Amino acid sequence: MDASMRLVFMGTPEFSVPALNALFEAGHEIVAAYTRAPRPAGRGMKERPCPVHARAEALGVPVHTPGDFRSADACDSFRAHHADAAIVVAYGLVLPEAILATPRLGCLNIHASLLPRWRGAAPIHRAVMSGDNETGISIMAMDAGLDTGPVLLREAMPIMPDDTTGRLHDRLAQRGARLIVEALDGIEGLEPASQPQAGASYARKVDKAEARIDWSRPAVEIDRHIRGLSPFPGAWCEVRGERTKLLNARLVDGGGEPGAYLGGCRVACGTGAIEVTEVQREGRRPVSAAEFLRGVRTPDRFE
């Protein structure tokens, strides 16, 4: 097989961009990029292309933004690329079986977990929030199920005690980019491994309603909650009546009534305490806890 392949790339957020770059730099012919249509954003509500759209245009790759693949025209347009494979990374649209079966080598997905652990939309958030010790990247041959296809290649990565979802996201994006190039280079020798049913879990999309901090929970759970929701959507509480995001924290000694301020940006939890290290007041930029405390009257408690 020639080293260079005709590829369709399908992705949307910043997480997808390193893989697009890596495939381009590896010499593959990326004949099309499929992504979300531009949406209004910012103060002027001007239409803004998503990260994959912007990067694909910069690379000279034609961009397609179908709302779905239910029409014959959308399917015919996809088939017309005569792709060897489609590479799918956090695309955001469900691909029907007619699309999955079109490329000669099928559709390969870069998924940010060690499947079958954390199938679904938010695997990085859920891994941190659940206190997992490791995560990783799975290169999966897609089927009609939700992240249920056979795994071609996987690589584990430890989750460090101070990792936030943001930090882990960046490392996994780079790891996924490297691994998809390796998978394509050796695809003839890879043996797809069916996912076991044991250990399967679902990473549901993070609901903003679950972001509020419940100080009655143990410190270890609140620490994971804060780091798992950082930087987006951001775990929050009220400090002197102002909604405030807590973006990073660590476990410390201490205790008291849940939510009580213990000094030095330490807060009592249901059991134990945390020290907040990064804070974002509403409408402002993230700052260190020390800078935050200089800008507010000393709080009695975090609500």
C-alpha atoms as a PDB file:
ATOM      1  CA  MET A   1       0.000   0.000   0.000  1.00  0.00           C
ATOM      2  CA  ASP A   2       1.274   3.486  -0.797  1.00  0.00           C
ATOM      3  CA  ALA A   3       2.241   5.500   2.271  1.00  0.00           C
ATOM      4  CA  SER A   4       0.037   8.382   1.154  1.00  0.00           C
ATOM      5  CA  MET A   5      -3.747   7.952   1.345  1.00  0.00           C
ATOM      6  CA  ARG A   6      -6.758   9.931   0.227  1.00  0.00           C
ATOM      7  CA  LEU A   7      -8.432  11.003   3.446  1.00  0.00           C
ATOM      8  CA  VAL A   8     -11.577  12.791   4.491  1.00  0.00           C
ATOM      9  CA  PHE A   9     -11.133  14.536   7.845  1.00  0.00           C
ATOM     10  CA  MET A  10     -14.166  15.022  10.102  1.00  0.00           C
ATOM     11  CA  GLY A  11     -13.836  17.089  13.270  1.00  0.00           C
ATOM     12  CA  THR A  12     -14.856  20.327  14.932  1.00  0.00           C
ATOM     13  CA  PRO A  13     -13.141  21.564  18.143  1.00  0.00           C
ATOM     14  CA  GLU A  14      -9.559  22.427  19.034  1.00  0.00           C
ATOM     15  CA  PHE A  15      -9.004  18.820  20.131  1.00  0.00           C
ATOM     16  CA  SER A  16      -9.249  17.745  16.467  1.00  0.00           C
ATOM     17  CA  VAL A  17      -6.694  20.199  15.049  1.00  0.00           C
ATOM     18  CA  PRO A  18      -3.443  18.388  16.030  1.00  0.00           C
ATOM     19  CA  ALA A  19      -4.639  15.266  14.176  1.00  0.00           C
ATOM     20  CA  LEU A  20      -5.447  17.311  11.066  1.00  0.00           C
ATOM     21  CA  ASN A  21      -1.981  18.873  11.204  1.00  0.00           C
ATOM     22  CA  ALA A  22      -0.257  15.526  11.755  1.00  0.00           C
ATOM     23  CA  LEU A  23      -2.002  13.851   8.821  1.00  0.00           C
ATOM     24  CA  PHE A  24      -1.185  16.773   6.551  1.00  0.00           C
ATOM     25  CA  GLU A  25       2.468  16.795   7.648  1.00  0.00           C
ATOM     26  CA  ALA A  26       2.699  13.011   7.157  1.00  0.00           C
ATOM     27  CA  GLY A  27       1.997  13.554   3.448  1.00  0.00           C
ATOM     28  CA  HIS A  28      -1.541  12.209   3.246  1.00  0.00           C
ATOM     29  CA  GLU A  29      -3.863  13.809   0.713  1.00  0.00           C
ATOM     30  CA  ILE A  30      -6.704  15.343   2.684  1.00  0.00           C
ATOM     31  CA  VAL A  31      -9.345  15.756   0.013  1.00  0.00           C
ATOM     32  CA  ALA A  32     -12.036  17.296   2.244  1.00  0.00           C
ATOM     33  CA  ALA A  33     -12.715  18.454   5.789  1.00  0.00           C
ATOM     34  CA  TYR A  34     -16.191  18.032   7.256  1.00  0.00           C
ATOM     35  CA  THR A  35     -17.053  20.205  10.233  1.00  0.00           C
ATOM     36  CA  ARG A  36     -19.719  22.298  11.939  1.00  0.00           C
ATOM     37  CA  ALA A  37     -21.017  25.347  10.100  1.00  0.00           C
ATOM     38  CA  PRO A  38     -19.867  28.762  11.420  1.00  0.00           C
ATOM     39  CA  ARG A  39     -21.951  30.140  14.279  1.00  0.00           C
ATOM     40  CA  PRO A  40     -22.459  33.668  15.634  1.00  0.00           C
ATOM     41  CA  ALA A  41     -20.015  34.438  18.449  1.00  0.00           C
ATOM     42  CA  GLY A  42     -18.465  37.334  20.309  1.00  0.00           C
ATOM     43  CA  ARG A  43     -19.854  40.750  21.098  1.00  0.00           C
ATOM     44  CA  GLY A  44     -20.722  41.486  17.480  1.00  0.00           C
ATOM     45  CA  MET A  45     -22.280  38.022  17.015  1.00  0.00           C
ATOM     46  CA  LYS A  46     -20.409  37.592  13.756  1.00  0.00           C
ATOM     47  CA  GLU A  47     -20.249  34.120  12.291  1.00  0.00           C
ATOM     48  CA  ARG A  48     -17.051  32.454  13.445  1.00  0.00           C
ATOM     49  CA  PRO A  49     -15.653  29.246  11.937  1.00  0.00           C
ATOM     50  CA  CYS A  50     -14.787  26.447  14.357  1.00  0.00           C
ATOM     51  CA  PRO A  51     -11.098  25.503  14.868  1.00  0.00           C
ATOM     52  CA  VAL A  52     -11.095  22.691  12.262  1.00  0.00           C
ATOM     53  CA  HIS A  53     -12.792  24.910   9.678  1.00  0.00           C
ATOM     54  CA  ALA A  54     -10.209  27.662  10.170  1.00  0.00           C
ATOM     55  CA  ARG A  55      -7.239  25.285  10.085  1.00  0.00           C
ATOM     56  CA  ALA A  56      -8.490  23.362   7.040  1.00  0.00           C
ATOM     57  CA  GLU A  57      -8.890  26.586   5.077  1.00  0.00           C
ATOM     58  CA  ALA A  58      -5.360  27.627   6.089  1.00  0.00           C
ATOM     59  CA  LEU A  59      -4.075  24.301   4.726  1.00  0.00           C
ATOM     60  CA  GLY A  60      -6.036  24.694   1.488  1.00  0.00           C
ATOM     61  CA  VAL A  61      -8.381  21.793   2.253  1.00  0.00           C
ATOM     62  CA  PRO A  62     -11.963  22.153   0.915  1.00  0.00           C
ATOM     63  CA  VAL A  63     -14.464  22.472   3.777  1.00  0.00           C
ATOM     64  CA  HIS A  64     -17.963  20.951   3.906  1.00  0.00           C
ATOM     65  CA  THR A  65     -20.536  21.799   6.600  1.00  0.00           C
ATOM     66  CA  PRO A  66     -23.635  19.609   6.092  1.00  0.00           C
ATOM     67  CA  GLY A  67     -26.210  19.693   8.865  1.00  0.00           C
ATOM     68  CA  ASP A  68     -26.645  15.926   8.567  1.00  0.00           C
ATOM     69  CA  PHE A  69     -26.260  13.035   6.124  1.00  0.00           C
ATOM     70  CA  ARG A  70     -29.912  12.193   5.638  1.00  0.00           C
ATOM     71  CA  SER A  71     -30.145  13.567   2.110  1.00  0.00           C
ATOM     72  CA  ALA A  72     -29.019  11.677  -0.992  1.00  0.00           C
ATOM     73  CA  ASP A  73     -27.035  14.754  -2.092  1.00  0.00           C
ATOM     74  CA  ALA A  74     -24.977  14.785   1.116  1.00  0.00           C
ATOM     75  CA  CYS A  75     -24.181  11.072   0.777  1.00  0.00           C
ATOM     76  CA  ASP A  76     -23.365  11.377  -2.926  1.00  0.00           C
ATOM     77  CA  SER A  77     -21.038  14.305  -2.235  1.00  0.00           C
ATOM     78  CA  PHE A  78     -19.224  12.251   0.408  1.00  0.00           C
ATOM     79  CA  ARG A  79     -18.865   9.248  -1.927  1.00  0.00           C
ATOM     80  CA  ALA A  80     -17.444  11.474  -4.654  1.00  0.00           C
ATOM     81  CA  HIS A  81     -14.252  11.970  -2.631  1.00  0.00           C
ATOM     82  CA  HIS A  82     -13.268   8.301  -3.272  1.00  0.00           C
ATOM     83  CA  ALA A  83     -11.439   8.325   0.047  1.00  0.00           C
ATOM     84  CA  ASP A  84      -9.306   5.495   1.362  1.00  0.00           C
ATOM     85  CA  ALA A  85     -10.462   6.362   4.888  1.00  0.00           C
ATOM     86  CA  ALA A  86     -12.313   8.985   6.880  1.00  0.00           C
ATOM     87  CA  ILE A  87     -10.661  10.171  10.095  1.00  0.00           C
ATOM     88  CA  VAL A  88     -13.222  11.259  12.678  1.00  0.00           C
ATOM     89  CA  VAL A  89     -12.225  13.293  15.742  1.00  0.00           C
ATOM     90  CA  ALA A  90     -14.938  14.891  17.905  1.00  0.00           C
ATOM     91  CA  TYR A  91     -17.014  15.668  14.825  1.00  0.00           C
ATOM     92  CA  GLY A  92     -20.381  16.046  16.542  1.00  0.00           C
ATOM     93  CA  LEU A  93     -22.688  14.462  13.937  1.00  0.00           C
ATOM     94  CA  VAL A  94     -23.952  10.890  13.852  1.00  0.00           C
ATOM     95  CA  LEU A  95     -22.695   9.073  10.761  1.00  0.00           C
ATOM     96  CA  PRO A  96     -25.201   6.691   9.160  1.00  0.00           C
ATOM     97  CA  GLU A  97     -24.120   3.243   8.013  1.00  0.00           C
ATOM     98  CA  ALA A  98     -24.121   4.398   4.387  1.00  0.00           C
ATOM     99  CA  ILE A  99     -21.349   6.887   5.234  1.00  0.00           C
ATOM    100  CA  LEU A 100     -19.437   4.495   7.503  1.00  0.00           C
ATOM    101  CA  ALA A 101     -19.229   1.950   4.690  1.00  0.00           C
ATOM    102  CA  THR A 102     -18.173   4.385   1.953  1.00  0.00           C
ATOM    103  CA  PRO A 103     -14.366   4.762   2.418  1.00  0.00           C
ATOM    104  CA  ARG A 104     -12.326   1.757   1.326  1.00  0.00           C
ATOM    105  CA  LEU A 105     -10.843   1.321   4.824  1.00  0.00           C
ATOM    106  CA  GLY A 106     -13.895   2.639   6.669  1.00  0.00           C
ATOM    107  CA  CYS A 107     -14.141   5.472   9.176  1.00  0.00           C
ATOM    108  CA  LEU A 108     -11.496   5.576  11.903  1.00  0.00           C
ATOM    109  CA  ASN A 109     -12.209   7.449  15.117  1.00  0.00           C
ATOM    110  CA  ILE A 110      -9.732   8.977  17.564  1.00  0.00           C
ATOM    111  CA  HIS A 111     -11.408   8.604  20.954  1.00  0.00           C
ATOM    112  CA  ALA A 112     -10.009  10.108  24.161  1.00  0.00           C
ATOM    113  CA  SER A 113     -10.401   7.128  26.475  1.00  0.00           C
ATOM    114  CA  LEU A 114      -9.365   3.511  26.848  1.00  0.00           C
ATOM    115  CA  LEU A 115     -12.489   1.971  25.351  1.00  0.00           C
ATOM    116  CA  PRO A 116     -14.863   0.579  26.496  1.00  0.00           C
ATOM    117  CA  ARG A 117     -14.262   2.927  29.446  1.00  0.00           C
ATOM    118  CA  TRP A 118     -15.994   6.270  28.830  1.00  0.00           C
ATOM    119  CA  ARG A 119     -17.824   5.928  25.564  1.00  0.00           C
ATOM    120  CA  GLY A 120     -19.672   9.099  24.643  1.00  0.00           C
ATOM    121  CA  ALA A 121     -19.336  12.861  24.508  1.00  0.00           C
ATOM    122  CA  ALA A 122     -17.218  13.847  27.537  1.00  0.00           C
ATOM    123  CA  PRO A 123     -14.611  11.146  28.239  1.00  0.00           C
ATOM    124  CA  ILE A 124     -11.917  13.500  29.542  1.00  0.00           C
ATOM    125  CA  HIS A 125     -14.207  15.354  31.942  1.00  0.00           C
ATOM    126  CA  ARG A 126     -15.659  12.117  33.312  1.00  0.00           C
ATOM    127  CA  ALA A 127     -12.284  10.435  33.768  1.00  0.00           C
ATOM    128  CA  VAL A 128     -10.991  13.316  35.915  1.00  0.00           C
ATOM    129  CA  MET A 129     -14.267  13.752  37.815  1.00  0.00           C
ATOM    130  CA  SER A 130     -14.384  10.033  38.610  1.00  0.00           C
ATOM    131  CA  GLY A 131     -10.835   9.906  39.925  1.00  0.00           C
ATOM    132  CA  ASP A 132      -9.499   7.517  37.277  1.00  0.00           C
ATOM    133  CA  ASN A 133      -5.765   6.864  37.510  1.00  0.00           C
ATOM    134  CA  GLU A 134      -5.301   6.583  33.771  1.00  0.00           C
ATOM    135  CA  THR A 135      -6.911   7.337  30.447  1.00  0.00           C
ATOM    136  CA  GLY A 136      -5.590   7.222  26.908  1.00  0.00           C
ATOM    137  CA  ILE A 137      -6.352   7.180  23.206  1.00  0.00           C
ATOM    138  CA  SER A 138      -8.193   4.492  21.270  1.00  0.00           C
ATOM    139  CA  ILE A 139      -8.131   4.336  17.476  1.00  0.00           C
ATOM    140  CA  MET A 140     -11.441   2.688  16.651  1.00  0.00           C
ATOM    141  CA  ALA A 141     -13.009   1.360  13.453  1.00  0.00           C
ATOM    142  CA  MET A 142     -16.444   2.955  13.650  1.00  0.00           C
ATOM    143  CA  ASP A 143     -19.665   0.964  13.525  1.00  0.00           C
ATOM    144  CA  ALA A 144     -23.305   1.957  13.953  1.00  0.00           C
ATOM    145  CA  GLY A 145     -23.114   1.964  17.770  1.00  0.00           C
ATOM    146  CA  LEU A 146     -21.948   4.717  20.111  1.00  0.00           C
ATOM    147  CA  ASP A 147     -18.172   4.198  20.317  1.00  0.00           C
ATOM    148  CA  THR A 148     -18.656   0.419  20.182  1.00  0.00           C
ATOM    149  CA  GLY A 149     -16.479  -0.449  17.181  1.00  0.00           C
ATOM    150  CA  PRO A 150     -13.365  -2.639  17.294  1.00  0.00           C
ATOM    151  CA  VAL A 151     -10.166  -0.997  18.519  1.00  0.00           C
ATOM    152  CA  LEU A 152      -7.178  -0.975  16.160  1.00  0.00           C
ATOM    153  CA  LEU A 153      -4.649   0.733  18.416  1.00  0.00           C
ATOM    154  CA  ARG A 154      -4.641   2.119  21.951  1.00  0.00           C
ATOM    155  CA  GLU A 155      -2.178   3.813  24.238  1.00  0.00           C
ATOM    156  CA  ALA A 156      -2.578   4.565  27.943  1.00  0.00           C
ATOM    157  CA  MET A 157      -1.663   7.805  29.715  1.00  0.00           C
ATOM    158  CA  PRO A 158      -1.586   8.427  33.484  1.00  0.00           C
ATOM    159  CA  ILE A 159      -3.852  11.053  35.015  1.00  0.00           C
ATOM    160  CA  MET A 160      -1.741  13.060  37.437  1.00  0.00           C
ATOM    161  CA  PRO A 161      -3.154  14.228  40.794  1.00  0.00           C
ATOM    162  CA  ASP A 162      -3.059  17.875  39.672  1.00  0.00           C
ATOM    163  CA  ASP A 163      -4.420  17.348  36.151  1.00  0.00           C
ATOM    164  CA  THR A 164      -7.332  19.427  34.964  1.00  0.00           C
ATOM    165  CA  THR A 165      -9.464  18.460  31.993  1.00  0.00           C
ATOM    166  CA  GLY A 166      -7.769  21.265  30.054  1.00  0.00           C
ATOM    167  CA  ARG A 167      -4.253  19.942  30.640  1.00  0.00           C
ATOM    168  CA  LEU A 168      -5.247  16.368  29.903  1.00  0.00           C
ATOM    169  CA  HIS A 169      -7.140  17.487  26.786  1.00  0.00           C
ATOM    170  CA  ASP A 170      -3.984  19.019  25.321  1.00  0.00           C
ATOM    171  CA  ARG A 171      -1.812  15.971  26.001  1.00  0.00           C
ATOM    172  CA  LEU A 172      -4.421  13.569  24.627  1.00  0.00           C
ATOM    173  CA  ALA A 173      -4.911  15.649  21.481  1.00  0.00           C
ATOM    174  CA  GLN A 174      -1.198  15.383  20.708  1.00  0.00           C
ATOM    175  CA  ARG A 175      -1.143  11.676  21.560  1.00  0.00           C
ATOM    176  CA  GLY A 176      -4.133  11.027  19.312  1.00  0.00           C
ATOM    177  CA  ALA A 177      -2.473  12.884  16.438  1.00  0.00           C
ATOM    178  CA  ARG A 178       0.620  10.712  16.692  1.00  0.00           C
ATOM    179  CA  LEU A 179      -1.338   7.497  17.088  1.00  0.00           C
ATOM    180  CA  ILE A 180      -3.581   7.997  14.031  1.00  0.00           C
ATOM    181  CA  VAL A 181      -0.503   8.488  11.831  1.00  0.00           C
ATOM    182  CA  GLU A 182       0.979   5.286  13.280  1.00  0.00           C
ATOM    183  CA  ALA A 183      -2.300   3.433  12.685  1.00  0.00           C
ATOM    184  CA  LEU A 184      -2.446   4.451   9.027  1.00  0.00           C
ATOM    185  CA  ASP A 185       1.230   3.605   8.504  1.00  0.00           C
ATOM    186  CA  GLY A 186       0.695   0.067   9.769  1.00  0.00           C
ATOM    187  CA  ILE A 187      -2.959  -0.504   9.027  1.00  0.00           C
ATOM    188  CA  GLU A 188      -2.409  -3.701   7.008  1.00  0.00           C
ATOM    189  CA  GLY A 189      -0.871  -5.369  10.070  1.00  0.00           C
ATOM    190  CA  LEU A 190      -3.385  -4.190  12.665  1.00  0.00           C
ATOM    191  CA  GLU A 191      -5.896  -6.677  14.025  1.00  0.00           C
ATOM    192  CA  PRO A 192      -9.165  -5.085  15.181  1.00  0.00           C
ATOM    193  CA  ALA A 193     -10.027  -6.128  18.738  1.00  0.00           C
ATOM    194  CA  SER A 194     -13.692  -6.266  19.713  1.00  0.00           C
ATOM    195  CA  GLN A 195     -14.503  -4.255  22.817  1.00  0.00           C
ATOM    196  CA  PRO A 196     -15.415  -6.317  25.884  1.00  0.00           C
ATOM    197  CA  GLN A 197     -18.739  -5.675  27.537  1.00  0.00           C
ATOM    198  CA  ALA A 198     -17.127  -5.665  30.977  1.00  0.00           C
ATOM    199  CA  GLY A 199     -15.979  -2.222  32.064  1.00  0.00           C
ATOM    200  CA  ALA A 200     -18.114  -0.273  29.604  1.00  0.00           C
ATOM    201  CA  SER A 201     -19.239   3.139  30.839  1.00  0.00           C
ATOM    202  CA  TYR A 202     -20.926   6.165  29.318  1.00  0.00           C
ATOM    203  CA  ALA A 203     -19.457   9.691  29.484  1.00  0.00           C
ATOM    204  CA  ARG A 204     -22.567  11.798  29.231  1.00  0.00           C
ATOM    205  CA  LYS A 205     -22.236  15.394  28.099  1.00  0.00           C
ATOM    206  CA  VAL A 206     -21.508  17.781  30.963  1.00  0.00           C
ATOM    207  CA  ASP A 207     -24.624  19.678  31.962  1.00  0.00           C
ATOM    208  CA  LYS A 208     -24.007  23.192  33.255  1.00  0.00           C
ATOM    209  CA  ALA A 209     -26.539  22.462  35.998  1.00  0.00           C
ATOM    210  CA  GLU A 210     -24.113  19.978  37.589  1.00  0.00           C
ATOM    211  CA  ALA A 211     -21.285  22.532  37.751  1.00  0.00           C
ATOM    212  CA  ARG A 212     -22.300  24.129  41.060  1.00  0.00           C
ATOM    213  CA  ILE A 213     -20.114  22.950  43.919  1.00  0.00           C
ATOM    214  CA  ASP A 214     -21.794  21.071  46.763  1.00  0.00           C
ATOM    215  CA  TRP A 215     -19.566  21.804  49.748  1.00  0.00           C
ATOM    216  CA  SER A 216     -21.164  18.996  51.778  1.00  0.00           C
ATOM    217  CA  ARG A 217     -19.315  16.449  49.628  1.00  0.00           C
ATOM    218  CA  PRO A 218     -15.894  15.074  50.674  1.00  0.00           C
ATOM    219  CA  ALA A 219     -12.868  17.181  49.748  1.00  0.00           C
ATOM    220  CA  VAL A 220     -11.502  14.501  47.413  1.00  0.00           C
ATOM    221  CA  GLU A 221     -14.716  14.602  45.351  1.00  0.00           C
ATOM    222  CA  ILE A 222     -14.836  18.412  45.252  1.00  0.00           C
ATOM    223  CA  ASP A 223     -11.195  18.533  44.148  1.00  0.00           C
ATOM    224  CA  ARG A 224     -11.987  16.171  41.254  1.00  0.00           C
ATOM    225  CA  HIS A 225     -15.133  18.142  40.449  1.00  0.00           C
ATOM    226  CA  ILE A 226     -13.198  21.415  40.169  1.00  0.00           C
ATOM    227  CA  ARG A 227     -10.348  19.960  38.126  1.00  0.00           C
ATOM    228  CA  GLY A 228     -12.691  17.905  35.944  1.00  0.00           C
ATOM    229  CA  LEU A 229     -14.754  20.941  34.931  1.00  0.00           C
ATOM    230  CA  SER A 230     -11.759  23.208  34.311  1.00  0.00           C
ATOM    231  CA  PRO A 231     -11.630  25.233  32.158  1.00  0.00           C
ATOM    232  CA  PHE A 232     -15.113  24.563  30.768  1.00  0.00           C
ATOM    233  CA  PRO A 233     -17.812  24.881  31.908  1.00  0.00           C
ATOM    234  CA  GLY A 234     -16.075  25.652  35.213  1.00  0.00           C
ATOM    235  CA  ALA A 235     -17.189  24.518  38.664  1.00  0.00           C
ATOM    236  CA  TRP A 236     -18.707  27.446  40.518  1.00  0.00           C
ATOM    237  CA  CYS A 237     -19.991  28.701  43.824  1.00  0.00           C
ATOM    238  CA  GLU A 238     -21.002  32.056  45.284  1.00  0.00           C
ATOM    239  CA  VAL A 239     -18.518  34.241  47.129  1.00  0.00           C
ATOM    240  CA  ARG A 240     -20.152  37.219  48.827  1.00  0.00           C
ATOM    241  CA  GLY A 241     -23.143  36.783  46.533  1.00  0.00           C
ATOM    242  CA  GLU A 242     -21.081  36.765  43.324  1.00  0.00           C
ATOM    243  CA  ARG A 243     -21.019  33.724  41.077  1.00  0.00           C
ATOM    244  CA  THR A 244     -17.373  32.644  40.949  1.00  0.00           C
ATOM    245  CA  LYS A 245     -15.673  29.850  39.029  1.00  0.00           C
ATOM    246  CA  LEU A 246     -13.015  27.791  40.795  1.00  0.00           C
ATOM    247  CA  LEU A 247     -10.644  26.513  38.111  1.00  0.00           C
ATOM    248  CA  ASN A 248      -8.033  24.642  40.119  1.00  0.00           C
ATOM    249  CA  ALA A 249      -7.547  23.338  43.625  1.00  0.00           C
ATOM    250  CA  ARG A 250      -5.636  20.855  45.736  1.00  0.00           C
ATOM    251  CA  LEU A 251      -6.326  18.793  48.831  1.00  0.00           C
ATOM    252  CA  VAL A 252      -5.091  20.223  52.129  1.00  0.00           C
ATOM    253  CA  ASP A 253      -5.434  19.474  55.831  1.00  0.00           C
ATOM    254  CA  GLY A 254      -8.269  21.125  57.668  1.00  0.00           C
ATOM    255  CA  GLY A 255     -11.963  20.899  58.343  1.00  0.00           C
ATOM    256  CA  GLY A 256     -15.004  22.749  59.559  1.00  0.00           C
ATOM    257  CA  GLU A 257     -18.541  23.530  58.538  1.00  0.00           C
ATOM    258  CA  PRO A 258     -18.917  22.793  54.802  1.00  0.00           C
ATOM    259  CA  GLY A 259     -18.132  25.940  52.804  1.00  0.00           C
ATOM    260  CA  ALA A 260     -16.443  27.750  55.686  1.00  0.00           C
ATOM    261  CA  TYR A 261     -13.462  29.902  54.694  1.00  0.00           C
ATOM    262  CA  LEU A 262     -10.383  28.696  56.563  1.00  0.00           C
ATOM    263  CA  GLY A 263      -7.931  31.369  55.414  1.00  0.00           C
ATOM    264  CA  GLY A 264      -5.371  31.285  52.604  1.00  0.00           C
ATOM    265  CA  CYS A 265      -8.136  30.370  50.139  1.00  0.00           C
ATOM    266  CA  ARG A 266      -8.724  27.111  51.969  1.00  0.00           C
ATOM    267  CA  VAL A 267     -12.343  25.948  52.188  1.00  0.00           C
ATOM    268  CA  ALA A 268     -13.875  23.305  54.445  1.00  0.00           C
ATOM    269  CA  CYS A 269     -15.746  20.457  52.785  1.00  0.00           C
ATOM    270  CA  GLY A 270     -18.043  17.725  54.067  1.00  0.00           C
ATOM    271  CA  THR A 271     -14.896  15.955  55.167  1.00  0.00           C
ATOM    272  CA  GLY A 272     -11.463  17.508  54.792  1.00  0.00           C
ATOM    273  CA  ALA A 273     -10.631  20.722  52.959  1.00  0.00           C
ATOM    274  CA  ILE A 274      -9.323  22.073  49.669  1.00  0.00           C
ATOM    275  CA  GLU A 275      -7.139  25.023  48.782  1.00  0.00           C
ATOM    276  CA  VAL A 276      -8.338  26.919  45.724  1.00  0.00           C
ATOM    277  CA  THR A 277      -5.439  27.967  43.474  1.00  0.00           C
ATOM    278  CA  GLU A 278      -7.128  29.537  40.421  1.00  0.00           C
ATOM    279  CA  VAL A 279     -10.310  31.610  40.332  1.00  0.00           C
ATOM    280  CA  GLN A 280     -12.421  33.456  37.764  1.00  0.00           C
ATOM    281  CA  ARG A 281     -14.929  36.095  38.804  1.00  0.00           C
ATOM    282  CA  GLU A 282     -17.905  36.617  36.514  1.00  0.00           C
ATOM    283  CA  GLY A 283     -16.938  38.580  33.398  1.00  0.00           C
ATOM    284  CA  ARG A 284     -13.233  38.632  34.286  1.00  0.00           C
ATOM    285  CA  ARG A 285     -10.101  36.700  33.410  1.00  0.00           C
ATOM    286  CA  PRO A 286      -8.791  33.756  35.458  1.00  0.00           C
ATOM    287  CA  VAL A 287      -6.374  34.770  38.231  1.00  0.00           C
ATOM    288  CA  SER A 288      -4.420  33.132  41.016  1.00  0.00           C
ATOM    289  CA  ALA A 289      -6.149  32.698  44.351  1.00  0.00           C
ATOM    290  CA  ALA A 290      -3.836  35.300  45.901  1.00  0.00           C
ATOM    291  CA  GLU A 291      -4.834  37.886  43.301  1.00  0.00           C
ATOM    292  CA  PHE A 292      -8.490  37.003  43.745  1.00  0.00           C
ATOM    293  CA  LEU A 293      -8.305  37.559  47.500  1.00  0.00           C
ATOM    294  CA  ARG A 294      -6.706  40.967  46.976  1.00  0.00           C
ATOM    295  CA  GLY A 295      -9.728  41.996  44.913  1.00  0.00           C
ATOM    296  CA  VAL A 296     -12.515  40.986  47.318  1.00  0.00           C
ATOM    297  CA  ARG A 297     -13.338  41.486  50.966  1.00  0.00           C
ATOM    298  CA  THR A 298     -12.302  38.463  52.979  1.00  0.00           C
ATOM    299  CA  PRO A 299     -15.182  35.984  52.611  1.00  0.00           C
ATOM    300  CA  ASP A 300     -16.737  34.233  55.580  1.00  0.00           C
ATOM    301  CA  ARG A 301     -17.691  31.234  53.495  1.00  0.00           C
ATOM    302  CA  PHE A 302     -18.059  29.860  49.988  1.00  0.00           C
ATOM    303  CA  GLU A 303     -21.710  29.114  49.216  1.00  0.00           C
END
